[in-house]
C-alpha atoms as a PDB file:
ATOM      1  CA  MET A   1     -86.550 -52.029  70.211  1.00  0.00           C
ATOM      2  CA  ILE A   2     -84.067 -52.437  67.178  1.00  0.00           C
ATOM      3  CA  THR A   3     -83.816 -48.880  65.446  1.00  0.00           C
ATOM      4  CA  LEU A   4     -83.166 -48.494  61.761  1.00  0.00           C
ATOM      5  CA  ARG A   5     -80.038 -46.703  63.295  1.00  0.00           C
ATOM      6  CA  LEU A   6     -78.727 -49.374  65.227  1.00  0.00           C
ATOM      7  CA  ILE A   7     -79.584 -52.178  62.178  1.00  0.00           C
ATOM      8  CA  ARG A   8     -76.860 -49.791  60.403  1.00  0.00           C
ATOM      9  CA  LEU A   9     -74.628 -49.650  62.936  1.00  0.00           C
ATOM     10  CA  LEU A  10     -74.361 -53.584  63.152  1.00  0.00           C
ATOM     11  CA  VAL A  11     -74.066 -53.970  59.721  1.00  0.00           C
ATOM     12  CA  GLY A  12     -71.598 -51.320  59.070  1.00  0.00           C
ATOM     13  CA  ALA A  13     -69.373 -52.755  61.767  1.00  0.00           C
ATOM     14  CA  ALA A  14     -69.705 -56.407  60.291  1.00  0.00           C
ATOM     15  CA  LEU A  15     -68.538 -54.894  56.914  1.00  0.00           C
ATOM     16  CA  ALA A  16     -65.611 -53.799  58.539  1.00  0.00           C
ATOM     17  CA  ALA A  17     -64.625 -56.590  60.138  1.00  0.00           C
ATOM     18  CA  LEU A  18     -65.226 -58.676  56.590  1.00  0.00           C
ATOM     19  CA  VAL A  19     -62.715 -56.110  55.190  1.00  0.00           C
ATOM     20  CA  ALA A  20     -60.253 -56.307  58.122  1.00  0.00           C
ATOM     21  CA  LEU A  21     -59.941 -60.229  57.205  1.00  0.00           C
ATOM     22  CA  PRO A  22     -56.628 -61.049  55.892  1.00  0.00           C
ATOM     23  CA  VAL A  23     -56.687 -62.272  52.451  1.00  0.00           C
ATOM     24  CA  HIS A  24     -55.222 -65.451  51.492  1.00  0.00           C
ATOM     25  CA  ALA A  25     -54.000 -66.497  47.840  1.00  0.00           C
ATOM     26  CA  ALA A  26     -55.388 -69.471  46.801  1.00  0.00           C
ATOM     27  CA  ALA A  27     -53.594 -72.921  47.467  1.00  0.00           C
ATOM     28  CA  PRO A  28     -52.769 -75.451  45.184  1.00  0.00           C
ATOM     29  CA  ALA A  29     -55.355 -78.409  44.763  1.00  0.00           C
ATOM     30  CA  ALA A  30     -53.891 -81.067  47.036  1.00  0.00           C
ATOM     31  CA  GLY A  31     -51.894 -83.531  45.017  1.00  0.00           C
ATOM     32  CA  GLN A  32     -51.295 -80.833  41.817  1.00  0.00           C
ATOM     33  CA  ARG A  33     -48.466 -82.168  40.100  1.00  0.00           C
ATOM     34  CA  VAL A  34     -45.915 -80.725  37.717  1.00  0.00           C
ATOM     35  CA  ALA A  35     -43.324 -82.114  35.481  1.00  0.00           C
ATOM     36  CA  VAL A  36     -39.971 -80.529  34.827  1.00  0.00           C
ATOM     37  CA  VAL A  37     -38.938 -81.562  31.640  1.00  0.00           C
ATOM     38  CA  ILE A  38     -35.420 -81.260  30.941  1.00  0.00           C
ATOM     39  CA  SER A  39     -32.987 -81.563  27.237  1.00  0.00           C
ATOM     40  CA  THR A  40     -30.336 -83.376  29.127  1.00  0.00           C
ATOM     41  CA  LEU A  41     -28.819 -83.857  32.702  1.00  0.00           C
ATOM     42  CA  ASN A  42     -25.647 -84.653  31.196  1.00  0.00           C
ATOM     43  CA  ASN A  43     -24.570 -80.956  31.865  1.00  0.00           C
ATOM     44  CA  PRO A  44     -24.238 -79.439  35.364  1.00  0.00           C
ATOM     45  CA  TRP A  45     -25.830 -76.194  33.932  1.00  0.00           C
ATOM     46  CA  PHE A  46     -29.035 -78.391  33.333  1.00  0.00           C
ATOM     47  CA  VAL A  47     -29.147 -79.893  36.468  1.00  0.00           C
ATOM     48  CA  VAL A  48     -29.318 -76.882  38.526  1.00  0.00           C
ATOM     49  CA  LEU A  49     -31.789 -75.610  35.799  1.00  0.00           C
ATOM     50  CA  ALA A  50     -34.107 -78.923  36.694  1.00  0.00           C
ATOM     51  CA  ASN A  51     -33.273 -79.167  40.484  1.00  0.00           C
ATOM     52  CA  THR A  52     -34.296 -75.399  40.888  1.00  0.00           C
ATOM     53  CA  ALA A  53     -37.384 -75.462  38.587  1.00  0.00           C
ATOM     54  CA  ARG A  54     -38.346 -78.387  41.056  1.00  0.00           C
ATOM     55  CA  ASP A  55     -37.571 -77.184  44.655  1.00  0.00           C
ATOM     56  CA  ARG A  56     -39.645 -73.854  43.514  1.00  0.00           C
ATOM     57  CA  ALA A  57     -42.620 -75.694  42.863  1.00  0.00           C
ATOM     58  CA  LYS A  58     -42.308 -77.665  45.756  1.00  0.00           C
ATOM     59  CA  GLU A  59     -42.001 -74.668  47.626  1.00  0.00           C
ATOM     60  CA  LEU A  60     -45.277 -73.529  46.389  1.00  0.00           C
ATOM     61  CA  GLY A  61     -47.255 -76.671  47.090  1.00  0.00           C
ATOM     62  CA  TYR A  62     -46.634 -78.895  43.936  1.00  0.00           C
ATOM     63  CA  ASP A  63     -45.202 -82.229  43.452  1.00  0.00           C
ATOM     64  CA  ALA A  64     -42.685 -82.348  40.841  1.00  0.00           C
ATOM     65  CA  THR A  65     -40.836 -84.491  39.129  1.00  0.00           C
ATOM     66  CA  ILE A  66     -38.073 -84.525  36.691  1.00  0.00           C
ATOM     67  CA  PHE A  67     -37.777 -85.858  33.729  1.00  0.00           C
ATOM     68  CA  ASP A  68     -34.389 -86.325  31.820  1.00  0.00           C
ATOM     69  CA  SER A  69     -35.000 -86.245  27.745  1.00  0.00           C
ATOM     70  CA  GLN A  70     -31.116 -87.494  27.092  1.00  0.00           C
ATOM     71  CA  ASN A  71     -31.150 -84.760  23.736  1.00  0.00           C
ATOM     72  CA  ASP A  72     -33.345 -87.197  22.203  1.00  0.00           C
ATOM     73  CA  PRO A  73     -36.815 -85.754  20.822  1.00  0.00           C
ATOM     74  CA  ALA A  74     -38.443 -89.244  20.914  1.00  0.00           C
ATOM     75  CA  LYS A  75     -37.430 -89.869  24.515  1.00  0.00           C
ATOM     76  CA  GLU A  76     -39.178 -85.984  25.178  1.00  0.00           C
ATOM     77  CA  SER A  77     -42.338 -87.005  23.210  1.00  0.00           C
ATOM     78  CA  GLN A  78     -42.796 -90.548  25.434  1.00  0.00           C
ATOM     79  CA  HIS A  79     -42.324 -87.847  28.684  1.00  0.00           C
ATOM     80  CA  PHE A  80     -45.265 -85.787  27.123  1.00  0.00           C
ATOM     81  CA  ASP A  81     -47.177 -88.754  26.251  1.00  0.00           C
ATOM     82  CA  ASN A  82     -46.596 -90.380  30.141  1.00  0.00           C
ATOM     83  CA  LEU A  83     -47.167 -86.521  31.900  1.00  0.00           C
ATOM     84  CA  ILE A  84     -50.399 -86.082  29.912  1.00  0.00           C
ATOM     85  CA  ALA A  85     -51.927 -89.094  30.432  1.00  0.00           C
ATOM     86  CA  SER A  86     -50.811 -89.394  34.055  1.00  0.00           C
ATOM     87  CA  GLY A  87     -52.635 -85.699  34.925  1.00  0.00           C
ATOM     88  CA  TYR A  88     -49.869 -83.429  35.582  1.00  0.00           C
ATOM     89  CA  ALA A  89     -51.184 -79.778  35.694  1.00  0.00           C
ATOM     90  CA  ALA A  90     -48.257 -77.924  34.335  1.00  0.00           C
ATOM     91  CA  VAL A  91     -44.723 -78.786  32.487  1.00  0.00           C
ATOM     92  CA  LEU A  92     -41.461 -76.410  33.237  1.00  0.00           C
ATOM     93  CA  PHE A  93     -39.713 -77.579  29.820  1.00  0.00           C
ATOM     94  CA  ASN A  94     -36.589 -77.136  28.517  1.00  0.00           C
ATOM     95  CA  CYS A  95     -36.491 -78.167  25.115  1.00  0.00           C
ATOM     96  CA  THR A  96     -34.775 -80.711  22.812  1.00  0.00           C
ATOM     97  CA  ASP A  97     -35.572 -79.348  19.290  1.00  0.00           C
ATOM     98  CA  ALA A  98     -36.554 -75.304  18.813  1.00  0.00           C
ATOM     99  CA  ARG A  99     -39.076 -76.832  15.637  1.00  0.00           C
ATOM    100  CA  GLY A 100     -39.348 -80.149  16.549  1.00  0.00           C
ATOM    101  CA  SER A 101     -40.935 -80.123  20.192  1.00  0.00           C
ATOM    102  CA  ILE A 102     -43.638 -77.318  19.267  1.00  0.00           C
ATOM    103  CA  ALA A 103     -45.535 -81.014  18.431  1.00  0.00           C
ATOM    104  CA  ASN A 104     -45.341 -81.945  22.068  1.00  0.00           C
ATOM    105  CA  VAL A 105     -46.321 -78.672  23.423  1.00  0.00           C
ATOM    106  CA  ARG A 106     -49.048 -77.899  21.596  1.00  0.00           C
ATOM    107  CA  ARG A 107     -50.601 -81.523  22.372  1.00  0.00           C
ATOM    108  CA  ALA A 108     -50.215 -80.592  26.108  1.00  0.00           C
ATOM    109  CA  LYS A 109     -52.083 -77.505  25.829  1.00  0.00           C
ATOM    110  CA  ALA A 110     -54.702 -79.566  23.914  1.00  0.00           C
ATOM    111  CA  ALA A 111     -54.889 -81.440  26.597  1.00  0.00           C
ATOM    112  CA  GLY A 112     -55.579 -78.385  28.948  1.00  0.00           C
ATOM    113  CA  VAL A 113     -51.547 -78.802  30.490  1.00  0.00           C
ATOM    114  CA  PRO A 114     -50.150 -75.199  30.298  1.00  0.00           C
ATOM    115  CA  VAL A 115     -46.549 -75.494  29.228  1.00  0.00           C
ATOM    116  CA  PHE A 116     -43.738 -73.044  30.785  1.00  0.00           C
ATOM    117  CA  CYS A 117     -40.286 -72.991  28.657  1.00  0.00           C
ATOM    118  CA  MET A 118     -37.113 -72.149  30.305  1.00  0.00           C
ATOM    119  CA  ASP A 119     -33.687 -71.172  28.397  1.00  0.00           C
ATOM    120  CA  ARG A 120     -34.548 -73.356  25.245  1.00  0.00           C
ATOM    121  CA  GLU A 121     -36.818 -71.639  23.129  1.00  0.00           C
ATOM    122  CA  ILE A 122     -39.585 -72.909  20.898  1.00  0.00           C
ATOM    123  CA  GLU A 123     -40.256 -71.619  17.368  1.00  0.00           C
ATOM    124  CA  ALA A 124     -44.096 -70.743  18.038  1.00  0.00           C
ATOM    125  CA  ASN A 125     -46.053 -67.946  19.637  1.00  0.00           C
ATOM    126  CA  ASP A 126     -49.436 -70.272  20.153  1.00  0.00           C
ATOM    127  CA  ALA A 127     -48.262 -73.113  21.947  1.00  0.00           C
ATOM    128  CA  ALA A 128     -46.295 -72.524  25.640  1.00  0.00           C
ATOM    129  CA  THR A 129     -48.071 -70.420  28.044  1.00  0.00           C
ATOM    130  CA  SER A 130     -44.693 -68.517  28.304  1.00  0.00           C
ATOM    131  CA  GLN A 131     -41.123 -68.608  27.664  1.00  0.00           C
ATOM    132  CA  ILE A 132     -38.402 -67.637  30.130  1.00  0.00           C
ATOM    133  CA  LEU A 133     -35.309 -67.156  27.880  1.00  0.00           C
ATOM    134  CA  SER A 134     -31.527 -65.752  28.179  1.00  0.00           C
ATOM    135  CA  ASP A 135     -30.658 -62.726  26.027  1.00  0.00           C
ATOM    136  CA  ASN A 136     -28.317 -65.263  24.197  1.00  0.00           C
ATOM    137  CA  TYR A 137     -27.881 -62.747  20.935  1.00  0.00           C
ATOM    138  CA  SER A 138     -26.555 -59.588  23.417  1.00  0.00           C
ATOM    139  CA  GLY A 139     -24.545 -61.790  25.527  1.00  0.00           C
ATOM    140  CA  CYS A 140     -22.391 -62.732  22.565  1.00  0.00           C
ATOM    141  CA  VAL A 141     -22.548 -59.552  21.139  1.00  0.00           C
ATOM    142  CA  ALA A 142     -20.604 -58.225  24.196  1.00  0.00           C
ATOM    143  CA  LEU A 143     -18.525 -61.858  24.274  1.00  0.00           C
ATOM    144  CA  GLY A 144     -17.635 -60.953  20.445  1.00  0.00           C
ATOM    145  CA  ARG A 145     -16.162 -57.670  21.730  1.00  0.00           C
ATOM    146  CA  TYR A 146     -14.215 -58.771  24.300  1.00  0.00           C
ATOM    147  CA  PHE A 147     -12.981 -61.681  21.793  1.00  0.00           C
ATOM    148  CA  VAL A 148     -11.470 -58.497  19.759  1.00  0.00           C
ATOM    149  CA  GLU A 149     -10.168 -57.171  22.522  1.00  0.00           C
ATOM    150  CA  GLN A 150      -8.070 -60.304  23.743  1.00  0.00           C
ATOM    151  CA  VAL A 151      -7.523 -61.493  20.776  1.00  0.00           C
ATOM    152  CA  GLY A 152      -6.580 -58.608  18.549  1.00  0.00           C
ATOM    153  CA  GLU A 153      -7.822 -57.520  15.039  1.00  0.00           C
ATOM    154  CA  THR A 154      -5.700 -60.445  13.415  1.00  0.00           C
ATOM    155  CA  GLY A 155      -5.754 -64.207  14.369  1.00  0.00           C
ATOM    156  CA  LYS A 156      -7.161 -67.487  13.190  1.00  0.00           C
ATOM    157  CA  TYR A 157      -9.935 -69.199  15.242  1.00  0.00           C
ATOM    158  CA  ILE A 158     -12.137 -72.253  15.632  1.00  0.00           C
ATOM    159  CA  GLU A 159     -16.069 -72.193  16.602  1.00  0.00           C
ATOM    160  CA  LEU A 160     -17.393 -75.268  18.376  1.00  0.00           C
ATOM    161  CA  LEU A 161     -21.762 -75.018  17.820  1.00  0.00           C
ATOM    162  CA  GLY A 162     -24.375 -76.017  20.277  1.00  0.00           C
ATOM    163  CA  LEU A 163     -26.885 -78.462  18.988  1.00  0.00           C
ATOM    164  CA  VAL A 164     -27.746 -77.496  15.585  1.00  0.00           C
ATOM    165  CA  ALA A 165     -31.718 -77.550  16.090  1.00  0.00           C
ATOM    166  CA  ASP A 166     -31.332 -75.089  19.186  1.00  0.00           C
ATOM    167  CA  THR A 167     -32.257 -71.572  18.584  1.00  0.00           C
ATOM    168  CA  ASN A 168     -29.437 -70.458  21.569  1.00  0.00           C
ATOM    169  CA  THR A 169     -26.639 -72.065  19.485  1.00  0.00           C
ATOM    170  CA  TRP A 170     -27.541 -69.520  16.167  1.00  0.00           C
ATOM    171  CA  ASN A 171     -28.392 -66.393  18.251  1.00  0.00           C
ATOM    172  CA  ARG A 172     -25.014 -66.835  20.486  1.00  0.00           C
ATOM    173  CA  SER A 173     -23.168 -67.359  17.142  1.00  0.00           C
ATOM    174  CA  LYS A 174     -25.062 -64.484  15.274  1.00  0.00           C
ATOM    175  CA  GLY A 175     -24.383 -62.406  18.462  1.00  0.00           C
ATOM    176  CA  PHE A 176     -20.992 -63.056  18.424  1.00  0.00           C
ATOM    177  CA  HIS A 177     -20.535 -62.604  14.488  1.00  0.00           C
ATOM    178  CA  SER A 178     -21.915 -59.476  14.448  1.00  0.00           C
ATOM    179  CA  VAL A 179     -19.142 -57.789  15.934  1.00  0.00           C
ATOM    180  CA  VAL A 180     -16.426 -60.052  15.216  1.00  0.00           C
ATOM    181  CA  ASP A 181     -16.919 -60.524  11.083  1.00  0.00           C
ATOM    182  CA  ARG A 182     -16.645 -56.513  11.025  1.00  0.00           C
ATOM    183  CA  PHE A 183     -12.565 -57.063  11.528  1.00  0.00           C
ATOM    184  CA  PRO A 184     -11.312 -59.147   8.290  1.00  0.00           C
ATOM    185  CA  GLY A 185      -8.035 -59.957   9.894  1.00  0.00           C
ATOM    186  CA  LEU A 186      -9.967 -62.365  12.055  1.00  0.00           C
ATOM    187  CA  LYS A 187     -10.051 -65.823  10.306  1.00  0.00           C
ATOM    188  CA  LEU A 188     -12.691 -68.300  10.825  1.00  0.00           C
ATOM    189  CA  VAL A 189     -10.940 -71.585   9.763  1.00  0.00           C
ATOM    190  CA  ALA A 190     -13.470 -74.243  11.161  1.00  0.00           C
ATOM    191  CA  GLN A 191     -16.592 -74.313  12.438  1.00  0.00           C
ATOM    192  CA  GLN A 192     -18.247 -77.485  13.887  1.00  0.00           C
ATOM    193  CA  SER A 193     -21.086 -78.726  16.190  1.00  0.00           C
ATOM    194  CA  ALA A 194     -19.758 -80.268  19.540  1.00  0.00           C
ATOM    195  CA  GLU A 195     -23.163 -80.496  20.508  1.00  0.00           C
ATOM    196  CA  PHE A 196     -23.093 -78.630  23.797  1.00  0.00           C
ATOM    197  CA  ASP A 197     -21.615 -81.633  24.860  1.00  0.00           C
ATOM    198  CA  ARG A 198     -17.877 -82.216  26.806  1.00  0.00           C
ATOM    199  CA  ALA A 199     -16.523 -85.153  25.302  1.00  0.00           C
ATOM    200  CA  LYS A 200     -17.510 -84.469  21.791  1.00  0.00           C
ATOM    201  CA  ALA A 201     -15.729 -81.030  22.152  1.00  0.00           C
ATOM    202  CA  LEU A 202     -12.603 -82.527  23.507  1.00  0.00           C
ATOM    203  CA  GLU A 203     -13.195 -85.325  20.193  1.00  0.00           C
ATOM    204  CA  VAL A 204     -14.140 -82.444  17.746  1.00  0.00           C
ATOM    205  CA  LEU A 205     -11.130 -79.976  18.923  1.00  0.00           C
ATOM    206  CA  GLU A 206      -8.462 -82.720  18.908  1.00  0.00           C
ATOM    207  CA  SER A 207      -9.425 -83.257  14.752  1.00  0.00           C
ATOM    208  CA  LEU A 208      -9.427 -80.149  13.644  1.00  0.00           C
ATOM    209  CA  LEU A 209      -6.330 -79.238  15.701  1.00  0.00           C
ATOM    210  CA  GLN A 210      -4.464 -82.087  13.370  1.00  0.00           C
ATOM    211  CA  ARG A 211      -5.719 -79.711  10.375  1.00  0.00           C
ATOM    212  CA  ASN A 212      -5.315 -76.435  11.957  1.00  0.00           C
ATOM    213  CA  PRO A 213      -2.606 -76.559  14.494  1.00  0.00           C
ATOM    214  CA  ASP A 214      -1.468 -72.963  14.535  1.00  0.00           C
ATOM    215  CA  ILE A 215      -4.951 -70.927  15.901  1.00  0.00           C
ATOM    216  CA  ASP A 216      -4.865 -68.312  18.385  1.00  0.00           C
ATOM    217  CA  ALA A 217      -8.874 -68.984  19.904  1.00  0.00           C
ATOM    218  CA  VAL A 218     -11.619 -71.238  20.322  1.00  0.00           C
ATOM    219  CA  PHE A 219     -15.188 -69.741  20.454  1.00  0.00           C
ATOM    220  CA  CYS A 220     -17.471 -72.301  22.146  1.00  0.00           C
ATOM    221  CA  GLY A 221     -21.662 -72.013  22.191  1.00  0.00           C
ATOM    222  CA  ASN A 222     -21.122 -73.484  25.837  1.00  0.00           C
ATOM    223  CA  ASP A 223     -19.463 -73.898  28.846  1.00  0.00           C
ATOM    224  CA  ALA A 224     -19.488 -77.586  28.497  1.00  0.00           C
ATOM    225  CA  MET A 225     -17.693 -77.489  25.219  1.00  0.00           C
ATOM    226  CA  ALA A 226     -15.145 -74.703  26.731  1.00  0.00           C
ATOM    227  CA  MET A 227     -14.121 -77.345  29.607  1.00  0.00           C
ATOM    228  CA  GLY A 228     -13.652 -80.038  26.790  1.00  0.00           C
ATOM    229  CA  ALA A 229     -11.769 -77.434  24.396  1.00  0.00           C
ATOM    230  CA  TYR A 230      -9.439 -76.569  27.032  1.00  0.00           C
ATOM    231  CA  GLN A 231      -9.055 -80.455  27.474  1.00  0.00           C
ATOM    232  CA  ALA A 232      -8.053 -80.888  23.696  1.00  0.00           C
ATOM    233  CA  LEU A 233      -5.622 -77.622  24.293  1.00  0.00           C
ATOM    234  CA  LEU A 234      -4.051 -79.036  27.369  1.00  0.00           C
ATOM    235  CA  ALA A 235      -3.571 -82.386  25.554  1.00  0.00           C
ATOM    236  CA  ALA A 236      -1.773 -80.852  22.476  1.00  0.00           C
ATOM    237  CA  GLY A 237       0.212 -78.362  24.365  1.00  0.00           C
ATOM    238  CA  LYS A 238      -1.355 -75.458  23.284  1.00  0.00           C
ATOM    239  CA  ALA A 239      -3.496 -74.334  26.423  1.00  0.00           C
ATOM    240  CA  ALA A 240      -1.018 -71.700  27.218  1.00  0.00           C
ATOM    241  CA  LYS A 241      -1.035 -70.134  23.587  1.00  0.00           C
ATOM    242  CA  VAL A 242      -4.925 -70.598  22.373  1.00  0.00           C
ATOM    243  CA  LYS A 243      -7.763 -68.499  24.296  1.00  0.00           C
ATOM    244  CA  VAL A 244     -10.793 -70.064  25.009  1.00  0.00           C
ATOM    245  CA  PHE A 245     -14.406 -68.458  25.460  1.00  0.00           C
ATOM    246  CA  GLY A 246     -17.493 -70.114  26.513  1.00  0.00           C
ATOM    247  CA  PHE A 247     -21.587 -69.296  27.211  1.00  0.00           C
ATOM    248  CA  ASP A 248     -23.030 -70.553  30.438  1.00  0.00           C
ATOM    249  CA  GLY A 249     -21.479 -69.031  33.434  1.00  0.00           C
ATOM    250  CA  ALA A 250     -20.944 -72.946  35.004  1.00  0.00           C
ATOM    251  CA  ASP A 251     -19.140 -73.029  38.176  1.00  0.00           C
ATOM    252  CA  ASP A 252     -16.034 -74.897  36.828  1.00  0.00           C
ATOM    253  CA  VAL A 253     -15.544 -72.323  34.230  1.00  0.00           C
ATOM    254  CA  VAL A 254     -15.907 -69.440  36.264  1.00  0.00           C
ATOM    255  CA  LYS A 255     -13.450 -71.046  38.274  1.00  0.00           C
ATOM    256  CA  SER A 256     -11.464 -71.795  35.366  1.00  0.00           C
ATOM    257  CA  VAL A 257     -11.777 -67.992  34.469  1.00  0.00           C
ATOM    258  CA  ALA A 258     -10.678 -67.152  37.609  1.00  0.00           C
ATOM    259  CA  GLU A 259      -7.093 -69.175  37.506  1.00  0.00           C
ATOM    260  CA  GLY A 260      -6.781 -67.603  33.693  1.00  0.00           C
ATOM    261  CA  LYS A 261      -7.341 -71.311  31.898  1.00  0.00           C
ATOM    262  CA  ILE A 262     -10.436 -69.908  30.148  1.00  0.00           C
ATOM    263  CA  THR A 263     -10.282 -66.292  28.684  1.00  0.00           C
ATOM    264  CA  ALA A 264     -14.178 -65.565  29.427  1.00  0.00           C
ATOM    265  CA  THR A 265     -17.407 -66.804  29.694  1.00  0.00           C
ATOM    266  CA  VAL A 266     -21.124 -65.522  29.812  1.00  0.00           C
ATOM    267  CA  MET A 267     -23.105 -65.749  33.087  1.00  0.00           C
ATOM    268  CA  GLN A 268     -26.578 -66.776  32.324  1.00  0.00           C
ATOM    269  CA  PHE A 269     -28.823 -66.851  35.323  1.00  0.00           C
ATOM    270  CA  PRO A 270     -30.557 -70.452  35.328  1.00  0.00           C
ATOM    271  CA  LYS A 271     -32.110 -70.165  38.393  1.00  0.00           C
ATOM    272  CA  THR A 272     -33.557 -67.195  37.898  1.00  0.00           C
ATOM    273  CA  MET A 273     -35.045 -68.347  34.841  1.00  0.00           C
ATOM    274  CA  ALA A 274     -36.171 -71.603  36.569  1.00  0.00           C
ATOM    275  CA  ARG A 275     -37.781 -70.387  39.623  1.00  0.00           C
ATOM    276  CA  SER A 276     -39.618 -67.625  37.334  1.00  0.00           C
ATOM    277  CA  ALA A 277     -41.146 -70.601  35.386  1.00  0.00           C
ATOM    278  CA  ALA A 278     -41.894 -72.286  38.484  1.00  0.00           C
ATOM    279  CA  GLU A 279     -43.941 -68.947  39.670  1.00  0.00           C
ATOM    280  CA  ASN A 280     -45.750 -68.428  36.213  1.00  0.00           C
ATOM    281  CA  ALA A 281     -46.919 -71.953  36.515  1.00  0.00           C
ATOM    282  CA  ASP A 282     -48.310 -71.491  39.998  1.00  0.00           C
ATOM    283  CA  LYS A 283     -49.759 -68.582  39.049  1.00  0.00           C
ATOM    284  CA  TYR A 284     -51.819 -69.922  35.790  1.00  0.00           C
ATOM    285  CA  LEU A 285     -53.331 -72.673  38.261  1.00  0.00           C
ATOM    286  CA  LYS A 286     -54.152 -69.859  40.376  1.00  0.00           C
ATOM    287  CA  GLY A 287     -56.457 -68.202  37.800  1.00  0.00           C
ATOM    288  CA  GLU A 288     -54.184 -65.749  36.034  1.00  0.00           C
ATOM    289  CA  ARG A 289     -53.883 -65.950  32.123  1.00  0.00           C
ATOM    290  CA  LYS A 290     -51.920 -62.820  30.478  1.00  0.00           C
ATOM    291  CA  PHE A 291     -48.337 -63.759  30.333  1.00  0.00           C
ATOM    292  CA  PRO A 292     -45.675 -62.279  28.337  1.00  0.00           C
ATOM    293  CA  GLN A 293     -44.863 -64.900  25.155  1.00  0.00           C
ATOM    294  CA  ARG A 294     -41.023 -64.114  25.594  1.00  0.00           C
ATOM    295  CA  THR A 295     -39.504 -62.826  28.714  1.00  0.00           C
ATOM    296  CA  PRO A 296     -35.414 -62.166  28.360  1.00  0.00           C
ATOM    297  CA  VAL A 297     -33.478 -62.654  31.026  1.00  0.00           C
ATOM    298  CA  ALA A 298     -30.272 -60.020  30.759  1.00  0.00           C
ATOM    299  CA  VAL A 299     -26.588 -62.104  31.015  1.00  0.00           C
ATOM    300  CA  GLU A 300     -23.437 -60.823  31.900  1.00  0.00           C
ATOM    301  CA  LEU A 301     -19.940 -60.687  31.074  1.00  0.00           C
ATOM    302  CA  VAL A 302     -17.339 -62.853  33.144  1.00  0.00           C
ATOM    303  CA  THR A 303     -13.547 -61.917  33.023  1.00  0.00           C
ATOM    304  CA  LYS A 304     -10.956 -62.359  34.959  1.00  0.00           C
ATOM    305  CA  ALA A 305     -11.777 -58.670  36.077  1.00  0.00           C
ATOM    306  CA  ASN A 306     -14.972 -59.182  37.515  1.00  0.00           C
ATOM    307  CA  VAL A 307     -15.079 -63.002  38.273  1.00  0.00           C
ATOM    308  CA  LYS A 308     -14.992 -62.573  42.065  1.00  0.00           C
ATOM    309  CA  LYS A 309     -18.598 -61.149  41.750  1.00  0.00           C
ATOM    310  CA  PHE A 310     -20.135 -64.612  40.238  1.00  0.00           C
ATOM    311  CA  GLY A 311     -20.432 -68.376  41.650  1.00  0.00           C
ATOM    312  CA  ASP A 312     -23.014 -70.979  42.150  1.00  0.00           C
ATOM    313  CA  TYR A 313     -24.790 -70.069  38.923  1.00  0.00           C
ATOM    314  CA  GLY A 314     -24.951 -66.523  39.355  1.00  0.00           C
ATOM    315  CA  ARG A 315     -23.998 -63.186  41.046  1.00  0.00           C
ATOM    316  CA  LYS A 316     -22.512 -64.410  44.724  1.00  0.00           C
END
């Protein structure tokens, strides 16, 4: 005869067994695809960003494909047309234009495709699901201080800007000038865009050196331009005299800092940003909806004094 006490014992045992069962996170739906849309693959730093984002998405169970926009907003727009039409579940995005790219992100959002920005910012708060961004301004404040220490409080320098449509360009420039402009003896004799490109930086600096042969330093908005600037100085016989400063933490520049060819750079962490963007996309596709609009990732000044701590696009 089944008593009330026995029923209670059986029910209690069943509940205990349910509680003891392991809880597993929801797995991605079979065949879900994630697009990795990158501004350009003509720069090793962005190749690392793209490959890390793709590989982390794959580790999380998604099919992932890289799309190269080749620094062309029109090509980027075509990528968004294709990935929306093809049914991609999410986009890990590195934009070509802080303002011009907003329309692409909003189109994806309207189609139910969340976008997760990494490294480069879009100037909107209602389009991307999240933006993982380096603290460019603070990094160049630190670089500006080191610039003054190394160059001194008097001297002439050239600034090579990145893409004028990229907020990183201006955040880095503003951070640098917030320090260096306090020293009236430090004269900016030329400021020109080299579009974050090594070959362009070589060409631009060669031209600027003809009009400004007696400079003491070159501040470059990224490491690709720093290497191009160094090549121009080497060709002009000025590499030993003129100090070059970069930003990114690219492997070739970190090695050049160790060798005394480049004076300093700033390590931003592309692998951290890429993995974080992929993990946010995974969380979203599993149901999470609350994300900070912008998450800053700290950067670190790299000099000859601490360069041994860095390599492979991050800390060793």
